All heavy atoms as atom14 arrays in JSON, in Angstrom:
{
  "sequence": "EPGEPGGRDGHWSFDAPADFPDGLSIDHFVGAKLAERGLSMSPP",
  "atom14_mask": [
    [1, 1, 1, 1, 1, 1, 1, 1, 1, 0, 0, 0, 0, 0],
    [1, 1, 1, 1, 1, 1, 1, 0, 0, 0, 0, 0, 0, 0],
    [1, 1, 1, 1, 0, 0, 0, 0, 0, 0, 0, 0, 0, 0],
    [1, 1, 1, 1, 1, 1, 1, 1, 1, 0, 0, 0, 0, 0],
    [1, 1, 1, 1, 1, 1, 1, 0, 0, 0, 0, 0, 0, 0],
    [1, 1, 1, 1, 0, 0, 0, 0, 0, 0, 0, 0, 0, 0],
    [1, 1, 1, 1, 0, 0, 0, 0, 0, 0, 0, 0, 0, 0],
    [1, 1, 1, 1, 1, 1, 1, 1, 1, 1, 1, 0, 0, 0],
    [1, 1, 1, 1, 1, 1, 1, 1, 0, 0, 0, 0, 0, 0],
    [1, 1, 1, 1, 0, 0, 0, 0, 0, 0, 0, 0, 0, 0],
    [1, 1, 1, 1, 1, 1, 1, 1, 1, 1, 0, 0, 0, 0],
    [1, 1, 1, 1, 1, 1, 1, 1, 1, 1, 1, 1, 1, 1],
    [1, 1, 1, 1, 1, 1, 0, 0, 0, 0, 0, 0, 0, 0],
    [1, 1, 1, 1, 1, 1, 1, 1, 1, 1, 1, 0, 0, 0],
    [1, 1, 1, 1, 1, 1, 1, 1, 0, 0, 0, 0, 0, 0],
    [1, 1, 1, 1, 1, 0, 0, 0, 0, 0, 0, 0, 0, 0],
    [1, 1, 1, 1, 1, 1, 1, 0, 0, 0, 0, 0, 0, 0],
    [1, 1, 1, 1, 1, 0, 0, 0, 0, 0, 0, 0, 0, 0],
    [1, 1, 1, 1, 1, 1, 1, 1, 0, 0, 0, 0, 0, 0],
    [1, 1, 1, 1, 1, 1, 1, 1, 1, 1, 1, 0, 0, 0],
    [1, 1, 1, 1, 1, 1, 1, 0, 0, 0, 0, 0, 0, 0],
    [1, 1, 1, 1, 1, 1, 1, 1, 0, 0, 0, 0, 0, 0],
    [1, 1, 1, 1, 0, 0, 0, 0, 0, 0, 0, 0, 0, 0],
    [1, 1, 1, 1, 1, 1, 1, 1, 0, 0, 0, 0, 0, 0],
    [1, 1, 1, 1, 1, 1, 0, 0, 0, 0, 0, 0, 0, 0],
    [1, 1, 1, 1, 1, 1, 1, 1, 0, 0, 0, 0, 0, 0],
    [1, 1, 1, 1, 1, 1, 1, 1, 0, 0, 0, 0, 0, 0],
    [1, 1, 1, 1, 1, 1, 1, 1, 1, 1, 0, 0, 0, 0],
    [1, 1, 1, 1, 1, 1, 1, 1, 1, 1, 1, 0, 0, 0],
    [1, 1, 1, 1, 1, 1, 1, 0, 0, 0, 0, 0, 0, 0],
    [1, 1, 1, 1, 0, 0, 0, 0, 0, 0, 0, 0, 0, 0],
    [1, 1, 1, 1, 1, 0, 0, 0, 0, 0, 0, 0, 0, 0],
    [1, 1, 1, 1, 1, 1, 1, 1, 1, 0, 0, 0, 0, 0],
    [1, 1, 1, 1, 1, 1, 1, 1, 0, 0, 0, 0, 0, 0],
    [1, 1, 1, 1, 1, 0, 0, 0, 0, 0, 0, 0, 0, 0],
    [1, 1, 1, 1, 1, 1, 1, 1, 1, 0, 0, 0, 0, 0],
    [1, 1, 1, 1, 1, 1, 1, 1, 1, 1, 1, 0, 0, 0],
    [1, 1, 1, 1, 0, 0, 0, 0, 0, 0, 0, 0, 0, 0],
    [1, 1, 1, 1, 1, 1, 1, 1, 0, 0, 0, 0, 0, 0],
    [1, 1, 1, 1, 1, 1, 0, 0, 0, 0, 0, 0, 0, 0],
    [1, 1, 1, 1, 1, 1, 1, 1, 0, 0, 0, 0, 0, 0],
    [1, 1, 1, 1, 1, 1, 0, 0, 0, 0, 0, 0, 0, 0],
    [1, 1, 1, 1, 1, 1, 1, 0, 0, 0, 0, 0, 0, 0],
    [1, 1, 1, 1, 1, 1, 1, 0, 0, 0, 0, 0, 0, 0]
  ],
  "atom14_positions": [
    [[-17.31, -12.48, -12.0], [-18.66, -12.09, -12.35], [-19.63, -12.54, -11.26], [-19.57, -13.67, -10.79], [-19.09, -12.71, -13.69], [-18.37, -12.13, -14.9], [-16.99, -12.73, -15.1], [-16.58, -13.52, -14.25], [-16.35, -12.39, -16.11], [0.0, 0.0, 0.0], [0.0, 0.0, 0.0], [0.0, 0.0, 0.0], [0.0, 0.0, 0.0], [0.0, 0.0, 0.0]],
    [[-20.53, -11.65, -10.84], [-21.52, -12.05, -9.84], [-22.33, -13.23, -10.35], [-22.7, -13.29, -11.52], [-22.39, -10.8, -9.69], [-21.53, -9.68, -10.17], [-20.68, -10.26, -11.26], [0.0, 0.0, 0.0], [0.0, 0.0, 0.0], [0.0, 0.0, 0.0], [0.0, 0.0, 0.0], [0.0, 0.0, 0.0], [0.0, 0.0, 0.0], [0.0, 0.0, 0.0]],
    [[-22.63, -14.13, -9.44], [-23.46, -15.27, -9.8], [-22.66, -16.48, -10.22], [-23.18, -17.59, -10.22], [0.0, 0.0, 0.0], [0.0, 0.0, 0.0], [0.0, 0.0, 0.0], [0.0, 0.0, 0.0], [0.0, 0.0, 0.0], [0.0, 0.0, 0.0], [0.0, 0.0, 0.0], [0.0, 0.0, 0.0], [0.0, 0.0, 0.0], [0.0, 0.0, 0.0]],
    [[-21.39, -16.33, -10.62], [-20.59, -17.48, -11.0], [-19.96, -18.12, -9.78], [-19.59, -17.43, -8.83], [-19.48, -17.06, -11.98], [-19.99, -16.73, -13.37], [-18.87, -16.63, -14.37], [-17.71, -16.88, -13.95], [-19.12, -16.31, -15.52], [0.0, 0.0, 0.0], [0.0, 0.0, 0.0], [0.0, 0.0, 0.0], [0.0, 0.0, 0.0], [0.0, 0.0, 0.0]],
    [[-19.83, -19.42, -9.74], [-19.19, -20.08, -8.6], [-17.78, -19.54, -8.38], [-17.0, -19.42, -9.32], [-19.18, -21.55, -9.02], [-20.28, -21.68, -10.04], [-20.3, -20.37, -10.76], [0.0, 0.0, 0.0], [0.0, 0.0, 0.0], [0.0, 0.0, 0.0], [0.0, 0.0, 0.0], [0.0, 0.0, 0.0], [0.0, 0.0, 0.0], [0.0, 0.0, 0.0]],
    [[-17.48, -19.19, -7.15], [-16.15, -18.68, -6.83], [-15.87, -17.31, -7.38], [-14.72, -16.88, -7.45], [0.0, 0.0, 0.0], [0.0, 0.0, 0.0], [0.0, 0.0, 0.0], [0.0, 0.0, 0.0], [0.0, 0.0, 0.0], [0.0, 0.0, 0.0], [0.0, 0.0, 0.0], [0.0, 0.0, 0.0], [0.0, 0.0, 0.0], [0.0, 0.0, 0.0]],
    [[-16.91, -16.6, -7.78], [-16.72, -15.31, -8.42], [-16.12, -14.26, -7.51], [-15.63, -13.25, -7.98], [0.0, 0.0, 0.0], [0.0, 0.0, 0.0], [0.0, 0.0, 0.0], [0.0, 0.0, 0.0], [0.0, 0.0, 0.0], [0.0, 0.0, 0.0], [0.0, 0.0, 0.0], [0.0, 0.0, 0.0], [0.0, 0.0, 0.0], [0.0, 0.0, 0.0]],
    [[-16.18, -14.42, -6.19], [-15.67, -13.41, -5.29], [-14.19, -13.6, -4.97], [-13.54, -12.69, -4.49], [-16.45, -13.45, -3.97], [-17.93, -13.2, -4.16], [-18.68, -13.63, -2.91], [-20.13, -13.65, -3.17], [-20.94, -12.65, -2.93], [-20.48, -11.54, -2.43], [-22.23, -12.73, -3.19], [0.0, 0.0, 0.0], [0.0, 0.0, 0.0], [0.0, 0.0, 0.0]],
    [[-13.68, -14.81, -5.23], [-12.35, -15.15, -4.69], [-11.23, -14.3, -5.26], [-10.33, -13.91, -4.53], [-12.06, -16.63, -4.95], [-13.04, -17.54, -4.22], [-13.65, -17.05, -3.23], [-13.2, -18.7, -4.62], [0.0, 0.0, 0.0], [0.0, 0.0, 0.0], [0.0, 0.0, 0.0], [0.0, 0.0, 0.0], [0.0, 0.0, 0.0], [0.0, 0.0, 0.0]],
    [[-11.28, -14.01, -6.55], [-10.15, -13.32, -7.15], [-10.3, -11.83, -7.29], [-9.45, -11.17, -7.88], [0.0, 0.0, 0.0], [0.0, 0.0, 0.0], [0.0, 0.0, 0.0], [0.0, 0.0, 0.0], [0.0, 0.0, 0.0], [0.0, 0.0, 0.0], [0.0, 0.0, 0.0], [0.0, 0.0, 0.0], [0.0, 0.0, 0.0], [0.0, 0.0, 0.0]],
    [[-11.38, -11.26, -6.8], [-11.63, -9.85, -7.04], [-10.78, -8.99, -6.13], [-10.73, -9.19, -4.91], [-13.12, -9.54, -6.84], [-13.55, -8.24, -7.47], [-13.46, -7.05, -6.82], [-14.03, -7.97, -8.71], [-13.89, -6.08, -7.61], [-14.25, -6.63, -8.77], [0.0, 0.0, 0.0], [0.0, 0.0, 0.0], [0.0, 0.0, 0.0], [0.0, 0.0, 0.0]],
    [[-10.13, -7.98, -6.69], [-9.16, -7.18, -5.94], [-9.77, -6.49, -4.73], [-9.11, -6.31, -3.71], [-8.52, -6.13, -6.85], [-9.5, -5.1, -7.37], [-10.18, -5.16, -8.54], [-9.92, -3.91, -6.71], [-11.0, -4.07, -8.68], [-10.86, -3.27, -7.57], [-9.59, -3.3, -5.5], [-11.47, -2.08, -7.24], [-10.21, -2.1, -5.17], [-11.14, -1.51, -6.04]],
    [[-11.08, -6.07, -4.84], [-11.66, -5.29, -3.75], [-11.89, -6.12, -2.48], [-12.14, -5.55, -1.43], [-12.99, -4.66, -4.19], [-13.95, -5.66, -4.46], [0.0, 0.0, 0.0], [0.0, 0.0, 0.0], [0.0, 0.0, 0.0], [0.0, 0.0, 0.0], [0.0, 0.0, 0.0], [0.0, 0.0, 0.0], [0.0, 0.0, 0.0], [0.0, 0.0, 0.0]],
    [[-11.82, -7.45, -2.61], [-12.0, -8.3, -1.44], [-10.7, -8.94, -0.97], [-10.7, -9.77, -0.07], [-13.04, -9.39, -1.75], [-14.4, -8.82, -2.06], [-14.85, -8.75, -3.36], [-15.22, -8.34, -1.05], [-16.09, -8.21, -3.65], [-16.45, -7.8, -1.33], [-16.91, -7.73, -2.63], [0.0, 0.0, 0.0], [0.0, 0.0, 0.0], [0.0, 0.0, 0.0]],
    [[-9.58, -8.55, -1.56], [-8.28, -9.06, -1.11], [-7.9, -8.4, 0.2], [-8.12, -7.19, 0.4], [-7.19, -8.78, -2.16], [-7.35, -9.66, -3.38], [-8.07, -10.68, -3.28], [-6.78, -9.32, -4.43], [0.0, 0.0, 0.0], [0.0, 0.0, 0.0], [0.0, 0.0, 0.0], [0.0, 0.0, 0.0], [0.0, 0.0, 0.0], [0.0, 0.0, 0.0]],
    [[-7.29, -9.16, 1.1], [-6.8, -8.59, 2.36], [-5.63, -7.67, 2.06], [-4.79, -7.98, 1.2], [-6.38, -9.71, 3.31], [0.0, 0.0, 0.0], [0.0, 0.0, 0.0], [0.0, 0.0, 0.0], [0.0, 0.0, 0.0], [0.0, 0.0, 0.0], [0.0, 0.0, 0.0], [0.0, 0.0, 0.0], [0.0, 0.0, 0.0], [0.0, 0.0, 0.0]],
    [[-5.52, -6.53, 2.77], [-4.38, -5.64, 2.55], [-3.07, -6.29, 2.97], [-3.03, -7.05, 3.95], [-4.71, -4.42, 3.42], [-5.65, -4.94, 4.47], [-6.44, -6.01, 3.81], [0.0, 0.0, 0.0], [0.0, 0.0, 0.0], [0.0, 0.0, 0.0], [0.0, 0.0, 0.0], [0.0, 0.0, 0.0], [0.0, 0.0, 0.0], [0.0, 0.0, 0.0]],
    [[-2.04, -5.99, 2.23], [-0.72, -6.57, 2.55], [-0.12, -5.83, 3.73], [-0.29, -4.62, 3.89], [0.18, -6.46, 1.33], [0.0, 0.0, 0.0], [0.0, 0.0, 0.0], [0.0, 0.0, 0.0], [0.0, 0.0, 0.0], [0.0, 0.0, 0.0], [0.0, 0.0, 0.0], [0.0, 0.0, 0.0], [0.0, 0.0, 0.0], [0.0, 0.0, 0.0]],
    [[0.63, -6.57, 4.57], [1.31, -5.96, 5.7], [2.55, -5.21, 5.23], [3.17, -5.55, 4.21], [1.72, -7.02, 6.72], [0.52, -7.68, 7.38], [-0.52, -7.0, 7.49], [0.62, -8.85, 7.75], [0.0, 0.0, 0.0], [0.0, 0.0, 0.0], [0.0, 0.0, 0.0], [0.0, 0.0, 0.0], [0.0, 0.0, 0.0], [0.0, 0.0, 0.0]],
    [[2.93, -4.17, 6.01], [4.19, -3.49, 5.74], [5.35, -4.44, 6.04], [5.25, -5.28, 6.95], [4.34, -2.25, 6.62], [3.54, -1.07, 6.15], [2.73, -0.38, 7.01], [3.61, -0.66, 4.82], [2.0, 0.72, 6.59], [2.89, 0.44, 4.38], [2.08, 1.12, 5.27], [0.0, 0.0, 0.0], [0.0, 0.0, 0.0], [0.0, 0.0, 0.0]],
    [[6.45, -4.32, 5.31], [7.65, -5.1, 5.68], [8.06, -4.79, 7.11], [7.84, -3.69, 7.62], [8.7, -4.62, 4.67], [7.9, -4.08, 3.52], [6.65, -3.51, 4.11], [0.0, 0.0, 0.0], [0.0, 0.0, 0.0], [0.0, 0.0, 0.0], [0.0, 0.0, 0.0], [0.0, 0.0, 0.0], [0.0, 0.0, 0.0], [0.0, 0.0, 0.0]],
    [[8.64, -5.75, 7.76], [9.03, -5.57, 9.17], [9.93, -4.35, 9.33], [10.86, -4.11, 8.55], [9.79, -6.82, 9.66], [8.87, -8.02, 9.78], [7.65, -7.81, 9.84], [9.38, -9.17, 9.78], [0.0, 0.0, 0.0], [0.0, 0.0, 0.0], [0.0, 0.0, 0.0], [0.0, 0.0, 0.0], [0.0, 0.0, 0.0], [0.0, 0.0, 0.0]],
    [[9.63, -3.58, 10.37], [10.48, -2.44, 10.71], [10.19, -1.19, 9.91], [10.84, -0.16, 10.13], [0.0, 0.0, 0.0], [0.0, 0.0, 0.0], [0.0, 0.0, 0.0], [0.0, 0.0, 0.0], [0.0, 0.0, 0.0], [0.0, 0.0, 0.0], [0.0, 0.0, 0.0], [0.0, 0.0, 0.0], [0.0, 0.0, 0.0], [0.0, 0.0, 0.0]],
    [[9.23, -1.24, 8.98], [8.92, -0.07, 8.17], [7.55, 0.51, 8.55], [6.69, -0.19, 9.06], [8.93, -0.43, 6.68], [10.26, -0.93, 6.11], [10.1, -1.24, 4.63], [11.35, 0.11, 6.33], [0.0, 0.0, 0.0], [0.0, 0.0, 0.0], [0.0, 0.0, 0.0], [0.0, 0.0, 0.0], [0.0, 0.0, 0.0], [0.0, 0.0, 0.0]],
    [[7.38, 1.77, 8.28], [6.1, 2.43, 8.52], [5.74, 3.25, 7.3], [6.49, 3.32, 6.31], [6.2, 3.34, 9.75], [7.05, 4.44, 9.46], [0.0, 0.0, 0.0], [0.0, 0.0, 0.0], [0.0, 0.0, 0.0], [0.0, 0.0, 0.0], [0.0, 0.0, 0.0], [0.0, 0.0, 0.0], [0.0, 0.0, 0.0], [0.0, 0.0, 0.0]],
    [[4.61, 3.91, 7.36], [4.16, 4.74, 6.25], [5.16, 5.86, 5.97], [5.32, 6.29, 4.82], [2.74, 5.3, 6.54], [2.16, 5.99, 5.29], [2.76, 6.25, 7.72], [1.87, 5.06, 4.15], [0.0, 0.0, 0.0], [0.0, 0.0, 0.0], [0.0, 0.0, 0.0], [0.0, 0.0, 0.0], [0.0, 0.0, 0.0], [0.0, 0.0, 0.0]],
    [[5.83, 6.32, 7.02], [6.82, 7.4, 6.84], [7.93, 6.98, 5.88], [8.5, 7.82, 5.16], [7.42, 7.81, 8.18], [6.42, 8.57, 9.04], [5.38, 9.0, 8.49], [6.66, 8.73, 10.24], [0.0, 0.0, 0.0], [0.0, 0.0, 0.0], [0.0, 0.0, 0.0], [0.0, 0.0, 0.0], [0.0, 0.0, 0.0], [0.0, 0.0, 0.0]],
    [[8.28, 5.69, 5.89], [9.34, 5.2, 4.99], [8.96, 5.44, 3.54], [9.78, 5.92, 2.74], [9.58, 3.71, 5.24], [10.41, 3.05, 4.19], [11.79, 3.13, 4.17], [10.07, 2.32, 3.09], [12.26, 2.47, 3.12], [11.22, 1.97, 2.45], [0.0, 0.0, 0.0], [0.0, 0.0, 0.0], [0.0, 0.0, 0.0], [0.0, 0.0, 0.0]],
    [[7.73, 5.12, 3.2], [7.3, 5.25, 1.8], [7.1, 6.72, 1.42], [7.42, 7.14, 0.31], [6.0, 4.47, 1.6], [6.15, 2.99, 1.86], [5.76, 2.46, 3.07], [6.71, 2.15, 0.91], [5.92, 1.11, 3.33], [6.87, 0.81, 1.16], [6.47, 0.28, 2.37], [0.0, 0.0, 0.0], [0.0, 0.0, 0.0], [0.0, 0.0, 0.0]],
    [[6.56, 7.54, 2.36], [6.43, 8.97, 2.1], [7.81, 9.59, 1.89], [8.05, 10.36, 0.94], [5.69, 9.67, 3.26], [5.72, 11.18, 3.07], [4.25, 9.17, 3.34], [0.0, 0.0, 0.0], [0.0, 0.0, 0.0], [0.0, 0.0, 0.0], [0.0, 0.0, 0.0], [0.0, 0.0, 0.0], [0.0, 0.0, 0.0], [0.0, 0.0, 0.0]],
    [[8.76, 9.22, 2.78], [10.12, 9.77, 2.66], [10.78, 9.38, 1.35], [11.5, 10.19, 0.74], [0.0, 0.0, 0.0], [0.0, 0.0, 0.0], [0.0, 0.0, 0.0], [0.0, 0.0, 0.0], [0.0, 0.0, 0.0], [0.0, 0.0, 0.0], [0.0, 0.0, 0.0], [0.0, 0.0, 0.0], [0.0, 0.0, 0.0], [0.0, 0.0, 0.0]],
    [[10.54, 8.14, 0.91], [11.15, 7.69, -0.35], [10.64, 8.5, -1.53], [11.41, 8.9, -2.41], [10.87, 6.2, -0.55], [0.0, 0.0, 0.0], [0.0, 0.0, 0.0], [0.0, 0.0, 0.0], [0.0, 0.0, 0.0], [0.0, 0.0, 0.0], [0.0, 0.0, 0.0], [0.0, 0.0, 0.0], [0.0, 0.0, 0.0], [0.0, 0.0, 0.0]],
    [[9.35, 8.77, -1.57], [8.79, 9.55, -2.66], [9.27, 11.0, -2.62], [9.53, 11.62, -3.65], [7.27, 9.49, -2.62], [6.69, 8.14, -3.07], [7.02, 7.88, -4.54], [6.42, 6.57, -5.01], [6.8, 6.28, -6.43], [0.0, 0.0, 0.0], [0.0, 0.0, 0.0], [0.0, 0.0, 0.0], [0.0, 0.0, 0.0], [0.0, 0.0, 0.0]],
    [[9.39, 11.55, -1.4], [9.91, 12.91, -1.29], [11.35, 12.98, -1.8], [11.73, 13.93, -2.5], [9.85, 13.38, 0.17], [8.45, 13.67, 0.73], [8.53, 13.97, 2.23], [7.8, 14.84, 0.02], [0.0, 0.0, 0.0], [0.0, 0.0, 0.0], [0.0, 0.0, 0.0], [0.0, 0.0, 0.0], [0.0, 0.0, 0.0], [0.0, 0.0, 0.0]],
    [[12.14, 11.98, -1.45], [13.55, 11.96, -1.87], [13.66, 11.89, -3.39], [14.55, 12.51, -3.99], [14.27, 10.79, -1.22], [0.0, 0.0, 0.0], [0.0, 0.0, 0.0], [0.0, 0.0, 0.0], [0.0, 0.0, 0.0], [0.0, 0.0, 0.0], [0.0, 0.0, 0.0], [0.0, 0.0, 0.0], [0.0, 0.0, 0.0], [0.0, 0.0, 0.0]],
    [[12.77, 11.14, -4.04], [12.78, 11.05, -5.49], [12.62, 12.42, -6.14], [13.1, 12.67, -7.24], [11.64, 10.13, -5.98], [11.88, 8.65, -5.72], [10.71, 7.82, -6.22], [9.83, 8.4, -6.92], [10.66, 6.62, -5.93], [0.0, 0.0, 0.0], [0.0, 0.0, 0.0], [0.0, 0.0, 0.0], [0.0, 0.0, 0.0], [0.0, 0.0, 0.0]],
    [[11.92, 13.32, -5.45], [11.64, 14.65, -5.99], [12.51, 15.73, -5.35], [12.23, 16.92, -5.49], [10.16, 14.98, -5.79], [9.25, 14.09, -6.65], [7.8, 14.13, -6.17], [6.91, 13.4, -7.07], [6.81, 12.08, -7.12], [7.57, 11.33, -6.32], [5.98, 11.51, -7.97], [0.0, 0.0, 0.0], [0.0, 0.0, 0.0], [0.0, 0.0, 0.0]],
    [[13.55, 15.3, -4.64], [14.47, 16.26, -4.04], [13.88, 17.0, -2.87], [14.3, 18.14, -2.58], [0.0, 0.0, 0.0], [0.0, 0.0, 0.0], [0.0, 0.0, 0.0], [0.0, 0.0, 0.0], [0.0, 0.0, 0.0], [0.0, 0.0, 0.0], [0.0, 0.0, 0.0], [0.0, 0.0, 0.0], [0.0, 0.0, 0.0], [0.0, 0.0, 0.0]],
    [[12.9, 16.42, -2.19], [12.25, 17.06, -1.06], [12.56, 16.3, 0.23], [13.07, 15.18, 0.19], [10.73, 17.11, -1.26], [10.23, 17.83, -2.53], [8.72, 17.63, -2.7], [10.57, 19.31, -2.46], [0.0, 0.0, 0.0], [0.0, 0.0, 0.0], [0.0, 0.0, 0.0], [0.0, 0.0, 0.0], [0.0, 0.0, 0.0], [0.0, 0.0, 0.0]],
    [[12.25, 16.9, 1.35], [12.48, 16.26, 2.63], [11.33, 16.58, 3.57], [10.51, 17.46, 3.3], [13.8, 16.74, 3.25], [13.76, 18.15, 3.46], [0.0, 0.0, 0.0], [0.0, 0.0, 0.0], [0.0, 0.0, 0.0], [0.0, 0.0, 0.0], [0.0, 0.0, 0.0], [0.0, 0.0, 0.0], [0.0, 0.0, 0.0], [0.0, 0.0, 0.0]],
    [[11.29, 15.88, 4.69], [10.24, 16.1, 5.68], [10.36, 17.51, 6.27], [11.45, 18.07, 6.36], [10.35, 15.07, 6.81], [10.12, 13.63, 6.38], [8.37, 13.3, 6.16], [8.43, 11.49, 6.01], [0.0, 0.0, 0.0], [0.0, 0.0, 0.0], [0.0, 0.0, 0.0], [0.0, 0.0, 0.0], [0.0, 0.0, 0.0], [0.0, 0.0, 0.0]],
    [[9.23, 18.07, 6.69], [9.26, 19.35, 7.39], [9.94, 19.17, 8.75], [9.88, 18.09, 9.34], [7.83, 19.87, 7.6], [7.18, 20.09, 6.36], [0.0, 0.0, 0.0], [0.0, 0.0, 0.0], [0.0, 0.0, 0.0], [0.0, 0.0, 0.0], [0.0, 0.0, 0.0], [0.0, 0.0, 0.0], [0.0, 0.0, 0.0], [0.0, 0.0, 0.0]],
    [[10.56, 20.22, 9.27], [11.2, 20.1, 10.59], [10.15, 19.95, 11.68], [8.99, 20.31, 11.48], [11.94, 21.44, 10.73], [11.2, 22.38, 9.85], [10.72, 21.56, 8.69], [0.0, 0.0, 0.0], [0.0, 0.0, 0.0], [0.0, 0.0, 0.0], [0.0, 0.0, 0.0], [0.0, 0.0, 0.0], [0.0, 0.0, 0.0], [0.0, 0.0, 0.0]],
    [[10.52, 19.41, 12.83], [9.56, 19.28, 13.94], [8.99, 20.65, 14.33], [9.67, 21.67, 14.28], [10.4, 18.69, 15.08], [11.56, 18.04, 14.39], [11.85, 18.87, 13.18], [0.0, 0.0, 0.0], [0.0, 0.0, 0.0], [0.0, 0.0, 0.0], [0.0, 0.0, 0.0], [0.0, 0.0, 0.0], [0.0, 0.0, 0.0], [0.0, 0.0, 0.0]]
  ]
}
């Protein structure tokens, strides 16, 4: 709550974004969701 001591510390909108696991990129997560639905990446 605004105005309370320490009120900003736990709020989700001010949390630092989490890093991707080593060796992974956004393509890994997109590919995983596509695979769940029986889809694949478009060809080059």
